[in-house]
């Protein structure tokens, strides 16, 4: 349970010392949104994924939001590049022009239907929103998030109409 708590706390760790990183084993963990703000990579084989955005969509397409198989493919390739063994730097070895070291794109075998939920109005920028830890601010936006989510779920036929 302690590991799960540390990993969850790391999801709130922002770079540059704003919210400290979390030590887990021999690694320092920070919010993955720095590299991939909507991480579909781990859930690519799911049938359907609900994504909760913290800013209005304002007419942006799923491609512009990074919620497509093409975005998944790019993240997958970057991840595999990070795992690729680095050459030794102790001795210069001229590259072999005939060597095939290309890490090819690999589209997902299956990609989920992605449903994006977003607030109707902006909840603030980095300073006025993300770093605003006021209880009043949080309660206001949690309530608005609930209303926006229930409206979106009703629009797609998942939630029933009615009062809370």
N, C-alpha and C. Protein backbone atom coordinates (compact mmCIF):
# COMPACT_ATOMS: atom_id res chain seq x y z
N UNK A 1 0.82 -1.21 0.00
CA UNK A 1 0.00 0.00 0.00
C UNK A 1 0.86 1.26 0.00
N UNK A 2 2.00 1.21 0.68
CA UNK A 2 2.88 2.38 0.74
C UNK A 2 3.38 2.74 -0.65
N UNK A 3 3.73 1.72 -1.47
CA UNK A 3 4.20 2.00 -2.83
C UNK A 3 3.12 2.69 -3.66
N UNK A 4 1.88 2.21 -3.55
CA UNK A 4 0.79 2.83 -4.31
C UNK A 4 0.59 4.28 -3.89
N UNK A 5 0.68 4.54 -2.60
CA UNK A 5 0.51 5.92 -2.10
C UNK A 5 1.63 6.81 -2.63
N UNK A 6 2.87 6.31 -2.60
CA UNK A 6 3.99 7.10 -3.12
C UNK A 6 3.82 7.40 -4.61
N UNK A 7 3.38 6.40 -5.36
CA UNK A 7 3.19 6.60 -6.80
C UNK A 7 2.08 7.62 -7.05
N UNK A 8 1.00 7.54 -6.29
CA UNK A 8 -0.08 8.53 -6.44
C UNK A 8 0.40 9.93 -6.06
N UNK A 9 1.17 10.05 -4.99
CA UNK A 9 1.72 11.36 -4.60
C UNK A 9 2.64 11.91 -5.69
N UNK A 10 3.37 11.02 -6.34
CA UNK A 10 4.27 11.46 -7.41
C UNK A 10 3.49 12.08 -8.56
N UNK A 11 2.24 11.67 -8.75
CA UNK A 11 1.45 12.23 -9.85
C UNK A 11 1.15 13.71 -9.61
N UNK A 12 1.34 14.18 -8.40
CA UNK A 12 1.14 15.61 -8.11
C UNK A 12 2.46 16.36 -8.02
N UNK A 13 3.58 15.67 -8.14
CA UNK A 13 4.90 16.30 -8.00
C UNK A 13 5.23 17.07 -9.28
N UNK A 14 5.40 18.36 -9.13
CA UNK A 14 5.69 19.22 -10.28
C UNK A 14 7.18 19.55 -10.30
N UNK A 15 7.75 19.70 -11.49
CA UNK A 15 9.18 19.98 -11.57
C UNK A 15 9.54 21.36 -11.05
N UNK A 16 10.83 21.59 -10.95
CA UNK A 16 11.40 22.88 -10.52
C UNK A 16 11.08 23.19 -9.06
N UNK A 17 10.83 22.17 -8.25
CA UNK A 17 10.65 22.36 -6.83
C UNK A 17 9.30 22.92 -6.40
N UNK A 18 8.33 23.03 -7.32
CA UNK A 18 7.02 23.56 -6.96
C UNK A 18 6.35 22.63 -5.96
N UNK A 19 6.22 21.36 -6.31
CA UNK A 19 5.78 20.31 -5.40
C UNK A 19 6.86 19.24 -5.49
N UNK A 20 7.47 18.88 -4.35
CA UNK A 20 8.65 18.00 -4.41
C UNK A 20 8.37 16.64 -5.03
N UNK A 21 9.42 16.11 -5.68
CA UNK A 21 9.33 14.77 -6.26
C UNK A 21 9.30 13.75 -5.12
N UNK A 22 8.93 12.53 -5.46
CA UNK A 22 8.81 11.46 -4.48
C UNK A 22 9.91 10.44 -4.73
N UNK A 23 10.56 9.99 -3.67
CA UNK A 23 11.58 8.96 -3.82
C UNK A 23 10.91 7.60 -3.73
N UNK A 24 11.17 6.76 -4.72
CA UNK A 24 10.60 5.42 -4.78
C UNK A 24 11.70 4.48 -5.22
N UNK A 25 12.17 3.67 -4.31
CA UNK A 25 13.33 2.83 -4.61
C UNK A 25 14.53 3.74 -4.83
N UNK A 26 15.19 3.57 -5.95
CA UNK A 26 16.35 4.40 -6.27
C UNK A 26 15.99 5.52 -7.24
N UNK A 27 14.71 5.75 -7.46
CA UNK A 27 14.28 6.74 -8.45
C UNK A 27 13.53 7.90 -7.80
N UNK A 28 13.54 9.05 -8.50
CA UNK A 28 12.75 10.22 -8.10
C UNK A 28 11.61 10.31 -9.11
N UNK A 29 10.38 10.33 -8.63
CA UNK A 29 9.21 10.36 -9.49
C UNK A 29 8.57 11.74 -9.48
N UNK A 30 8.10 12.17 -10.66
CA UNK A 30 7.37 13.44 -10.80
C UNK A 30 6.12 13.18 -11.63
N UNK A 31 5.29 14.19 -11.75
CA UNK A 31 4.07 14.11 -12.55
C UNK A 31 4.42 13.76 -13.99
N UNK A 32 3.81 12.70 -14.51
CA UNK A 32 4.08 12.27 -15.88
C UNK A 32 3.55 13.23 -16.92
N UNK A 33 2.69 14.18 -16.52
CA UNK A 33 2.15 15.15 -17.46
C UNK A 33 3.22 16.01 -18.10
N UNK A 34 4.39 16.01 -17.50
CA UNK A 34 5.50 16.76 -18.09
C UNK A 34 5.84 16.18 -19.46
N UNK A 35 5.78 14.84 -19.58
CA UNK A 35 6.11 14.20 -20.86
C UNK A 35 4.87 13.87 -21.67
N UNK A 36 3.81 13.43 -21.01
CA UNK A 36 2.60 12.99 -21.70
C UNK A 36 1.42 13.30 -20.80
N UNK A 37 0.76 14.40 -21.07
CA UNK A 37 -0.28 14.89 -20.16
C UNK A 37 -1.53 14.02 -20.13
N UNK A 38 -1.78 13.25 -21.17
CA UNK A 38 -2.93 12.33 -21.18
C UNK A 38 -2.38 10.95 -21.53
N UNK A 39 -1.93 10.20 -20.53
CA UNK A 39 -1.23 8.94 -20.81
C UNK A 39 -2.14 7.79 -21.19
N UNK A 40 -2.41 7.65 -22.48
CA UNK A 40 -3.21 6.54 -22.97
C UNK A 40 -2.36 5.29 -23.19
N UNK A 41 -1.06 5.45 -23.16
CA UNK A 41 -0.16 4.33 -23.42
C UNK A 41 -0.49 3.10 -22.56
N UNK A 42 -0.67 3.26 -21.25
CA UNK A 42 -0.93 2.06 -20.43
C UNK A 42 -2.30 1.43 -20.66
N UNK A 43 -3.24 2.14 -21.24
CA UNK A 43 -4.60 1.62 -21.38
C UNK A 43 -5.01 1.42 -22.84
N UNK A 44 -4.05 1.31 -23.72
CA UNK A 44 -4.35 1.24 -25.16
C UNK A 44 -5.19 0.03 -25.54
N UNK A 45 -5.15 -1.02 -24.76
CA UNK A 45 -5.92 -2.22 -25.12
C UNK A 45 -7.33 -2.22 -24.55
N UNK A 46 -7.68 -1.20 -23.80
CA UNK A 46 -9.03 -1.11 -23.25
C UNK A 46 -10.03 -0.87 -24.39
N UNK A 47 -11.29 -1.17 -24.14
CA UNK A 47 -12.31 -0.93 -25.16
C UNK A 47 -12.72 0.54 -25.19
N UNK A 48 -12.79 1.15 -24.03
CA UNK A 48 -13.25 2.54 -23.93
C UNK A 48 -12.49 3.21 -22.80
N UNK A 49 -12.12 4.47 -23.01
CA UNK A 49 -11.39 5.23 -22.00
C UNK A 49 -12.06 6.59 -21.84
N UNK A 50 -12.26 6.97 -20.59
CA UNK A 50 -12.79 8.29 -20.27
C UNK A 50 -11.63 9.15 -19.82
N UNK A 51 -11.41 10.26 -20.51
CA UNK A 51 -10.32 11.18 -20.20
C UNK A 51 -10.91 12.44 -19.62
N UNK A 52 -10.41 12.84 -18.46
CA UNK A 52 -10.88 14.07 -17.82
C UNK A 52 -9.81 15.13 -18.03
N UNK A 53 -10.16 16.15 -18.79
CA UNK A 53 -9.24 17.25 -19.06
C UNK A 53 -9.51 18.38 -18.07
N UNK A 54 -8.51 19.19 -17.81
CA UNK A 54 -8.67 20.29 -16.86
C UNK A 54 -8.74 21.65 -17.54
N UNK A 55 -8.93 21.63 -18.84
CA UNK A 55 -9.12 22.88 -19.57
C UNK A 55 -10.17 22.66 -20.65
N UNK A 56 -10.87 23.70 -21.03
CA UNK A 56 -11.89 23.54 -22.08
C UNK A 56 -11.28 23.06 -23.40
N UNK A 57 -12.04 22.28 -24.14
CA UNK A 57 -11.57 21.76 -25.42
C UNK A 57 -11.54 22.87 -26.47
N UNK A 58 -12.54 23.74 -26.45
CA UNK A 58 -12.63 24.89 -27.37
C UNK A 58 -12.39 24.51 -28.83
N UNK A 59 -13.09 23.51 -29.30
CA UNK A 59 -13.03 23.16 -30.72
C UNK A 59 -11.82 22.37 -31.16
N UNK A 60 -10.91 22.02 -30.25
CA UNK A 60 -9.74 21.24 -30.65
C UNK A 60 -10.16 19.81 -30.97
N UNK A 61 -9.49 19.22 -31.93
CA UNK A 61 -9.79 17.84 -32.34
C UNK A 61 -9.09 16.86 -31.40
N UNK A 62 -9.48 15.59 -31.51
CA UNK A 62 -8.83 14.55 -30.72
C UNK A 62 -7.33 14.48 -31.07
N UNK A 63 -7.00 14.72 -32.33
CA UNK A 63 -5.60 14.73 -32.74
C UNK A 63 -4.84 15.85 -32.03
N UNK A 64 -5.43 17.03 -31.99
CA UNK A 64 -4.78 18.17 -31.32
C UNK A 64 -4.66 17.94 -29.82
N UNK A 65 -5.56 17.15 -29.25
CA UNK A 65 -5.50 16.84 -27.82
C UNK A 65 -4.56 15.67 -27.52
N UNK A 66 -4.04 15.02 -28.55
CA UNK A 66 -3.12 13.89 -28.36
C UNK A 66 -3.84 12.62 -27.94
N UNK A 67 -5.09 12.46 -28.36
CA UNK A 67 -5.89 11.30 -27.96
C UNK A 67 -6.15 10.35 -29.13
N UNK A 68 -5.11 10.08 -29.91
CA UNK A 68 -5.25 9.26 -31.10
C UNK A 68 -4.22 8.12 -31.11
N UNK A 69 -4.44 7.12 -31.95
CA UNK A 69 -3.44 6.05 -32.07
C UNK A 69 -2.07 6.58 -32.53
N UNK A 70 -2.07 7.65 -33.32
CA UNK A 70 -0.80 8.22 -33.78
C UNK A 70 0.02 8.76 -32.61
N UNK A 71 -0.65 9.41 -31.67
CA UNK A 71 0.04 9.93 -30.48
C UNK A 71 0.58 8.75 -29.66
N UNK A 72 -0.23 7.71 -29.49
CA UNK A 72 0.21 6.52 -28.76
C UNK A 72 1.45 5.94 -29.43
N UNK A 73 1.44 5.86 -30.76
CA UNK A 73 2.56 5.31 -31.51
C UNK A 73 3.84 6.12 -31.26
N UNK A 74 3.71 7.45 -31.23
CA UNK A 74 4.89 8.30 -30.99
C UNK A 74 5.44 8.08 -29.58
N UNK A 75 4.56 7.99 -28.58
CA UNK A 75 5.01 7.76 -27.20
C UNK A 75 5.66 6.37 -27.10
N UNK A 76 5.06 5.38 -27.73
CA UNK A 76 5.62 4.03 -27.73
C UNK A 76 7.03 4.02 -28.31
N UNK A 77 7.22 4.72 -29.42
CA UNK A 77 8.53 4.77 -30.06
C UNK A 77 9.55 5.48 -29.17
N UNK A 78 9.15 6.59 -28.55
CA UNK A 78 10.05 7.30 -27.64
C UNK A 78 10.46 6.42 -26.46
N UNK A 79 9.49 5.68 -25.92
CA UNK A 79 9.77 4.79 -24.80
C UNK A 79 10.77 3.72 -25.21
N UNK A 80 10.57 3.12 -26.39
CA UNK A 80 11.49 2.10 -26.86
C UNK A 80 12.87 2.68 -27.16
N UNK A 81 12.93 3.94 -27.59
CA UNK A 81 14.22 4.58 -27.82
C UNK A 81 14.98 4.74 -26.50
N UNK A 82 14.24 5.08 -25.43
CA UNK A 82 14.88 5.20 -24.12
C UNK A 82 15.45 3.87 -23.64
N UNK A 83 14.80 2.78 -23.99
CA UNK A 83 15.25 1.45 -23.56
C UNK A 83 16.35 0.88 -24.45
N UNK A 84 16.56 1.50 -25.62
CA UNK A 84 17.56 1.00 -26.56
C UNK A 84 18.94 1.12 -25.93
N UNK A 85 19.76 0.06 -25.99
CA UNK A 85 21.08 0.14 -25.36
C UNK A 85 21.96 1.21 -26.01
N UNK A 86 22.52 2.06 -25.18
CA UNK A 86 23.39 3.13 -25.68
C UNK A 86 24.77 2.55 -26.01
N UNK A 87 25.41 3.09 -27.04
CA UNK A 87 26.76 2.60 -27.38
C UNK A 87 27.76 3.03 -26.32
N UNK A 88 28.83 2.31 -26.24
CA UNK A 88 29.89 2.64 -25.29
C UNK A 88 30.57 3.94 -25.74
N UNK A 89 30.86 4.81 -24.78
CA UNK A 89 31.50 6.08 -25.11
C UNK A 89 32.99 6.07 -24.77
N UNK A 90 33.49 4.91 -24.37
CA UNK A 90 34.90 4.84 -24.01
C UNK A 90 35.81 4.86 -25.22
N UNK A 91 35.32 4.35 -26.32
CA UNK A 91 36.14 4.28 -27.51
C UNK A 91 35.27 4.66 -28.72
N UNK A 92 35.84 5.51 -29.56
CA UNK A 92 35.08 5.92 -30.74
C UNK A 92 35.06 4.78 -31.75
N UNK A 93 33.86 4.41 -32.14
CA UNK A 93 33.70 3.40 -33.18
C UNK A 93 32.88 4.05 -34.29
N UNK A 94 33.46 4.17 -35.47
CA UNK A 94 32.70 4.80 -36.55
C UNK A 94 31.41 4.03 -36.83
N UNK A 95 30.33 4.74 -37.05
CA UNK A 95 29.06 4.05 -37.30
C UNK A 95 29.10 3.25 -38.60
N UNK A 96 28.44 2.13 -38.57
CA UNK A 96 28.35 1.28 -39.75
C UNK A 96 27.20 1.82 -40.61
N UNK A 97 27.49 2.33 -41.80
CA UNK A 97 26.42 2.91 -42.63
C UNK A 97 25.38 1.88 -43.06
N UNK A 98 25.72 0.60 -43.00
CA UNK A 98 24.77 -0.43 -43.41
C UNK A 98 23.94 -0.96 -42.23
N UNK A 99 24.28 -0.54 -41.01
CA UNK A 99 23.56 -1.04 -39.84
C UNK A 99 22.14 -0.45 -39.81
N UNK A 100 21.21 -1.28 -39.42
CA UNK A 100 19.82 -0.84 -39.33
C UNK A 100 19.48 -0.62 -37.86
N UNK A 101 19.55 0.62 -37.43
CA UNK A 101 19.26 0.95 -36.05
C UNK A 101 18.00 1.80 -35.95
N UNK A 102 17.17 1.68 -36.91
CA UNK A 102 15.95 2.46 -36.92
C UNK A 102 14.94 1.78 -35.98
N UNK A 103 14.36 2.55 -35.11
CA UNK A 103 13.31 2.02 -34.25
C UNK A 103 12.00 2.39 -34.92
N UNK A 104 11.41 1.39 -35.52
CA UNK A 104 10.22 1.63 -36.34
C UNK A 104 9.00 1.97 -35.49
N UNK A 105 8.09 2.68 -36.12
CA UNK A 105 6.82 2.95 -35.45
C UNK A 105 6.04 1.65 -35.36
N UNK A 106 5.28 1.52 -34.28
CA UNK A 106 4.51 0.31 -34.05
C UNK A 106 3.12 0.73 -33.59
N UNK A 107 2.17 0.82 -34.51
CA UNK A 107 0.82 1.24 -34.09
C UNK A 107 0.21 0.23 -33.14
N UNK A 108 -0.68 0.67 -32.27
CA UNK A 108 -1.28 -0.28 -31.32
C UNK A 108 -2.14 -1.30 -32.05
N UNK A 109 -2.17 -2.53 -31.50
CA UNK A 109 -3.00 -3.58 -32.09
C UNK A 109 -4.48 -3.19 -32.00
N UNK A 110 -4.81 -2.56 -30.91
CA UNK A 110 -6.18 -2.12 -30.67
C UNK A 110 -6.11 -0.80 -29.94
N UNK A 111 -7.03 0.10 -30.22
CA UNK A 111 -7.04 1.40 -29.55
C UNK A 111 -8.44 1.68 -29.05
N UNK A 112 -8.56 2.18 -27.83
CA UNK A 112 -9.90 2.36 -27.26
C UNK A 112 -10.67 3.51 -27.88
N UNK A 113 -11.98 3.45 -27.71
CA UNK A 113 -12.79 4.62 -28.02
C UNK A 113 -12.52 5.61 -26.89
N UNK A 114 -12.11 6.81 -27.24
CA UNK A 114 -11.74 7.80 -26.23
C UNK A 114 -12.86 8.83 -26.11
N UNK A 115 -13.32 9.02 -24.89
CA UNK A 115 -14.33 10.04 -24.60
C UNK A 115 -13.69 11.08 -23.70
N UNK A 116 -13.61 12.30 -24.19
CA UNK A 116 -12.97 13.37 -23.43
C UNK A 116 -14.02 14.21 -22.70
N UNK A 117 -13.79 14.44 -21.43
CA UNK A 117 -14.63 15.30 -20.61
C UNK A 117 -13.79 16.52 -20.25
N UNK A 118 -14.38 17.69 -20.39
CA UNK A 118 -13.64 18.91 -20.12
C UNK A 118 -14.57 19.95 -19.53
N UNK A 119 -14.02 20.86 -18.73
CA UNK A 119 -14.87 21.91 -18.18
C UNK A 119 -15.36 22.85 -19.29
N UNK A 120 -16.50 23.45 -19.06
CA UNK A 120 -17.04 24.41 -20.03
C UNK A 120 -16.24 25.72 -20.00
N UNK A 121 -15.80 26.08 -18.78
CA UNK A 121 -15.04 27.33 -18.60
C UNK A 121 -13.66 27.00 -18.03
N UNK A 122 -12.72 27.88 -18.27
CA UNK A 122 -11.36 27.70 -17.75
C UNK A 122 -11.37 27.68 -16.23
N UNK A 123 -10.53 26.82 -15.65
CA UNK A 123 -10.42 26.80 -14.19
C UNK A 123 -9.17 27.55 -13.73
N UNK A 124 -8.55 28.28 -14.63
CA UNK A 124 -7.38 29.09 -14.29
C UNK A 124 -6.11 28.58 -14.95
N UNK A 125 -5.10 29.42 -14.94
CA UNK A 125 -3.82 29.02 -15.53
C UNK A 125 -2.96 28.31 -14.47
N UNK A 126 -1.69 28.14 -14.75
CA UNK A 126 -0.80 27.42 -13.84
C UNK A 126 -0.78 28.05 -12.45
N UNK A 127 -0.66 29.37 -12.40
CA UNK A 127 -0.58 30.04 -11.10
C UNK A 127 -1.94 30.20 -10.43
N UNK A 128 -2.95 30.60 -11.20
CA UNK A 128 -4.26 30.87 -10.59
C UNK A 128 -5.12 29.61 -10.47
N UNK A 129 -4.73 28.53 -11.14
CA UNK A 129 -5.50 27.29 -11.10
C UNK A 129 -4.73 26.16 -10.45
N UNK A 130 -3.68 25.68 -11.12
CA UNK A 130 -2.92 24.54 -10.64
C UNK A 130 -2.36 24.75 -9.24
N UNK A 131 -1.81 25.91 -9.00
CA UNK A 131 -1.18 26.17 -7.71
C UNK A 131 -2.10 26.87 -6.71
N UNK A 132 -3.38 26.93 -7.00
CA UNK A 132 -4.33 27.53 -6.07
C UNK A 132 -4.85 26.42 -5.16
N UNK A 133 -4.37 26.38 -3.93
CA UNK A 133 -4.73 25.32 -3.00
C UNK A 133 -5.80 25.75 -2.00
N UNK A 134 -6.51 26.82 -2.31
CA UNK A 134 -7.57 27.31 -1.44
C UNK A 134 -8.72 26.31 -1.41
N UNK A 135 -9.25 26.06 -0.20
CA UNK A 135 -10.37 25.14 -0.06
C UNK A 135 -11.60 25.61 -0.79
N UNK A 136 -11.86 26.92 -0.75
CA UNK A 136 -13.02 27.49 -1.45
C UNK A 136 -12.91 27.26 -2.95
N UNK A 137 -11.73 27.53 -3.49
CA UNK A 137 -11.47 27.33 -4.91
C UNK A 137 -11.68 25.86 -5.29
N UNK A 138 -11.11 24.96 -4.48
CA UNK A 138 -11.23 23.52 -4.77
C UNK A 138 -12.69 23.07 -4.73
N UNK A 139 -13.43 23.47 -3.71
CA UNK A 139 -14.84 23.07 -3.61
C UNK A 139 -15.64 23.57 -4.80
N UNK A 140 -15.41 24.81 -5.19
CA UNK A 140 -16.13 25.39 -6.33
C UNK A 140 -15.89 24.58 -7.60
N UNK A 141 -14.63 24.25 -7.86
CA UNK A 141 -14.30 23.55 -9.10
C UNK A 141 -14.62 22.06 -9.03
N UNK A 142 -14.60 21.47 -7.85
CA UNK A 142 -15.04 20.08 -7.73
C UNK A 142 -16.53 19.98 -8.02
N UNK A 143 -17.30 20.93 -7.51
CA UNK A 143 -18.74 20.94 -7.78
C UNK A 143 -19.00 21.15 -9.28
N UNK A 144 -18.30 22.12 -9.88
CA UNK A 144 -18.47 22.38 -11.30
C UNK A 144 -18.05 21.15 -12.12
N UNK A 145 -16.98 20.47 -11.70
CA UNK A 145 -16.54 19.26 -12.39
C UNK A 145 -17.58 18.17 -12.32
N UNK A 146 -18.22 18.05 -11.17
CA UNK A 146 -19.29 17.06 -11.01
C UNK A 146 -20.45 17.37 -11.96
N UNK A 147 -20.87 18.63 -11.99
CA UNK A 147 -21.98 19.03 -12.86
C UNK A 147 -21.62 18.80 -14.33
N UNK A 148 -20.43 19.23 -14.74
CA UNK A 148 -20.00 19.04 -16.13
C UNK A 148 -19.92 17.56 -16.50
N UNK A 149 -19.40 16.73 -15.58
CA UNK A 149 -19.28 15.30 -15.85
C UNK A 149 -20.64 14.64 -15.96
N UNK A 150 -21.55 14.95 -15.04
CA UNK A 150 -22.88 14.35 -15.10
C UNK A 150 -23.60 14.76 -16.38
N UNK A 151 -23.43 16.02 -16.78
CA UNK A 151 -24.03 16.48 -18.03
C UNK A 151 -23.47 15.69 -19.21
N UNK A 152 -22.15 15.52 -19.25
CA UNK A 152 -21.51 14.79 -20.34
C UNK A 152 -21.95 13.33 -20.34
N UNK A 153 -22.07 12.71 -19.17
CA UNK A 153 -22.51 11.31 -19.09
C UNK A 153 -23.96 11.17 -19.54
N UNK A 154 -24.78 12.13 -19.19
CA UNK A 154 -26.18 12.10 -19.66
C UNK A 154 -26.22 12.25 -21.18
N UNK A 155 -25.38 13.13 -21.72
CA UNK A 155 -25.36 13.35 -23.17
C UNK A 155 -25.01 12.09 -23.95
N UNK A 156 -24.21 11.19 -23.36
CA UNK A 156 -23.86 9.96 -24.06
C UNK A 156 -24.70 8.77 -23.58
N UNK A 157 -25.69 9.06 -22.73
CA UNK A 157 -26.64 8.03 -22.32
C UNK A 157 -26.20 7.13 -21.19
N UNK A 158 -25.21 7.53 -20.43
CA UNK A 158 -24.72 6.69 -19.33
C UNK A 158 -25.41 7.04 -18.00
N UNK A 159 -25.59 8.31 -17.74
CA UNK A 159 -26.21 8.73 -16.47
C UNK A 159 -27.67 9.12 -16.72
N UNK A 160 -28.47 8.98 -15.70
CA UNK A 160 -29.87 9.36 -15.79
C UNK A 160 -30.04 10.82 -15.39
N UNK A 161 -31.09 11.40 -15.90
CA UNK A 161 -31.42 12.75 -15.50
C UNK A 161 -31.95 12.72 -14.08
N UNK A 162 -31.72 13.77 -13.37
CA UNK A 162 -32.23 13.82 -12.00
C UNK A 162 -31.32 14.65 -11.14
N UNK A 163 -31.68 14.75 -9.90
CA UNK A 163 -30.90 15.56 -8.97
C UNK A 163 -30.01 14.67 -8.14
N UNK A 164 -28.99 15.23 -7.63
CA UNK A 164 -28.01 14.53 -6.78
C UNK A 164 -28.57 14.29 -5.42
